[in-house]
Structures are given as structure tokens and as C-alpha cells.
Amino acid sequence: MANPVRPSPLDDPDYAEFAWGRYFRVMRWMALLTLAVMAAAALYLYEAVGLVSIHLYIAAMLGIGFTMMLMAALMGLVFLSSGTGHDEAVDNGLEQHLDEWWK
């Protein structure tokens, strides 16, 4: 017997708006934190190596900024998916094969 498709809580427009609003609010805070870390790193680099090529500072700030924002975006999506119940609504078909795999 096939399992019925369970609707995702994110299918409800009001709940989805709330969940995505929370996600983007977290992303705004992470953007501010990223800017602060980038400024601190730029100051540290200036103190450590002095005034060298501007390309060092550009590359370092882009690397730090991209890495932090990518981490925030991906982890935010994980928490959004898990926290809204979307993960529980996904049917991966694993349950129907468990008995035959463990024989």
C-alpha cells in the first residue's frame, strides 16, 4: 500500500511567508556579522602585513564574505526545512525497503 503524499507545511502561504521572513531576518543579521568580521580581518591584515597590494585585501574580504554568507545561507535552509516540518513531509520510499535490506 502506497503512503499518501503528505503536504508540506510550507504549502500554506501564511506559514511560508512567516518561515521565509524568519530566514531572511537571520540572513540580514548574518550579513551584519559578516561585515563586522570582514572589517576586523582587514584591520588585522593591515596590522600584520602593513600596506601591501590592494588585491590581498580584496581577495581576503571576498573570501571571508563569500564563505560566511554561503555557510549562513545553507545552514539557514537546513534549519528552515527542519524547523517547518518540511523534512517530515518528504517521502523517500525508504520504509518500504527496510525489511528486505535487513534480511
Protein backbone atom coordinates (compact mmCIF):
# COMPACT_ATOMS: atom_id res chain seq x y z
CA MET A 1 0.00 0.00 0.00
CA ALA A 2 1.45 3.31 -1.05
CA ASN A 3 1.79 6.05 1.51
CA PRO A 4 -0.36 9.08 0.82
CA VAL A 5 1.54 12.22 -0.06
CA ARG A 6 1.81 14.40 2.99
CA PRO A 7 1.55 18.13 2.33
CA SER A 8 4.45 20.29 3.40
CA PRO A 9 3.68 23.00 5.95
CA LEU A 10 5.42 25.36 3.54
CA ASP A 11 2.50 24.85 1.13
CA ASP A 12 0.44 27.14 3.38
CA PRO A 13 1.16 30.69 2.10
CA ASP A 14 0.84 32.34 5.51
CA TYR A 15 3.17 29.87 7.20
CA ALA A 16 5.61 30.02 4.28
CA GLU A 17 5.67 33.81 4.50
CA PHE A 18 6.43 33.58 8.22
CA ALA A 19 9.16 30.95 7.73
CA TRP A 20 10.85 32.75 4.84
CA GLY A 21 10.62 36.04 6.73
CA ARG A 22 12.46 34.45 9.64
CA TYR A 23 15.06 33.05 7.24
CA PHE A 24 15.73 36.43 5.64
CA ARG A 25 15.83 38.12 9.04
CA VAL A 26 18.58 35.69 10.08
CA MET A 27 20.38 36.36 6.81
CA ARG A 28 20.32 40.11 7.45
CA TRP A 29 21.87 39.58 10.89
CA MET A 30 24.48 37.30 9.37
CA ALA A 31 25.27 39.94 6.73
CA LEU A 32 25.93 42.46 9.51
CA LEU A 33 28.10 39.97 11.39
CA THR A 34 29.96 39.19 8.17
CA LEU A 35 30.67 42.88 7.59
CA ALA A 36 31.99 43.19 11.15
CA VAL A 37 34.24 40.13 10.72
CA MET A 38 35.48 41.46 7.39
CA ALA A 39 36.36 44.81 8.97
CA ALA A 40 38.16 43.09 11.84
CA ALA A 41 40.06 40.87 9.42
CA ALA A 42 41.06 43.87 7.30
CA LEU A 43 42.39 45.64 10.38
CA TYR A 44 44.25 42.51 11.45
CA LEU A 45 45.79 42.11 7.99
CA TYR A 46 46.85 45.74 7.96
CA GLU A 47 48.48 45.36 11.38
CA ALA A 48 50.14 42.06 10.43
CA VAL A 49 51.49 42.81 6.94
CA GLY A 50 51.12 46.55 6.53
CA LEU A 51 50.13 48.29 3.34
CA VAL A 52 50.68 45.80 0.53
CA SER A 53 48.81 45.26 -2.70
CA ILE A 54 45.13 46.15 -2.53
CA HIS A 55 44.46 42.80 -4.19
CA LEU A 56 45.38 41.00 -0.96
CA TYR A 57 42.70 42.89 0.92
CA ILE A 58 40.09 42.47 -1.82
CA ALA A 59 40.72 38.72 -2.11
CA ALA A 60 40.68 38.22 1.66
CA MET A 61 37.46 40.19 2.14
CA LEU A 62 35.72 38.46 -0.77
CA GLY A 63 36.82 35.06 0.54
CA ILE A 64 35.66 35.77 4.08
CA GLY A 65 32.40 37.36 2.94
CA PHE A 66 31.51 34.65 0.43
CA THR A 67 32.37 31.83 2.84
CA MET A 68 30.41 33.26 5.75
CA MET A 69 27.33 34.12 3.68
CA LEU A 70 27.33 30.75 1.91
CA MET A 71 27.56 28.99 5.28
CA ALA A 72 24.75 31.14 6.66
CA ALA A 73 22.52 30.55 3.63
CA LEU A 74 22.98 26.78 3.59
CA MET A 75 22.61 26.32 7.34
CA GLY A 76 19.61 28.65 7.30
CA LEU A 77 17.97 26.47 4.65
CA VAL A 78 18.67 23.36 6.72
CA PHE A 79 17.05 24.96 9.75
CA LEU A 80 14.14 26.25 7.64
CA SER A 81 13.47 22.81 6.21
CA SER A 82 13.77 21.03 9.54
CA GLY A 83 12.05 23.67 11.68
CA THR A 84 8.97 23.98 9.49
CA GLY A 85 8.25 20.26 9.26
CA HIS A 86 9.08 20.15 5.56
CA ASP A 87 11.54 17.27 6.13
CA GLU A 88 8.84 15.09 7.67
CA ALA A 89 6.57 15.67 4.67
CA VAL A 90 9.10 14.22 2.22
CA ASP A 91 8.54 10.56 1.33
CA ASN A 92 11.80 8.99 0.26
CA GLY A 93 10.37 5.46 -0.05
CA LEU A 94 12.89 4.04 2.39
CA GLU A 95 10.34 2.46 4.72
CA GLN A 96 9.11 0.02 2.08
CA HIS A 97 12.61 -1.41 1.56
CA LEU A 98 13.83 -1.68 5.17
CA ASP A 99 12.60 -5.25 5.73
CA GLU A 100 14.19 -6.66 2.61
CA TRP A 101 17.50 -4.87 3.24
CA TRP A 102 17.89 -6.27 6.76
CA LYS A 103 17.19 -9.92 5.86
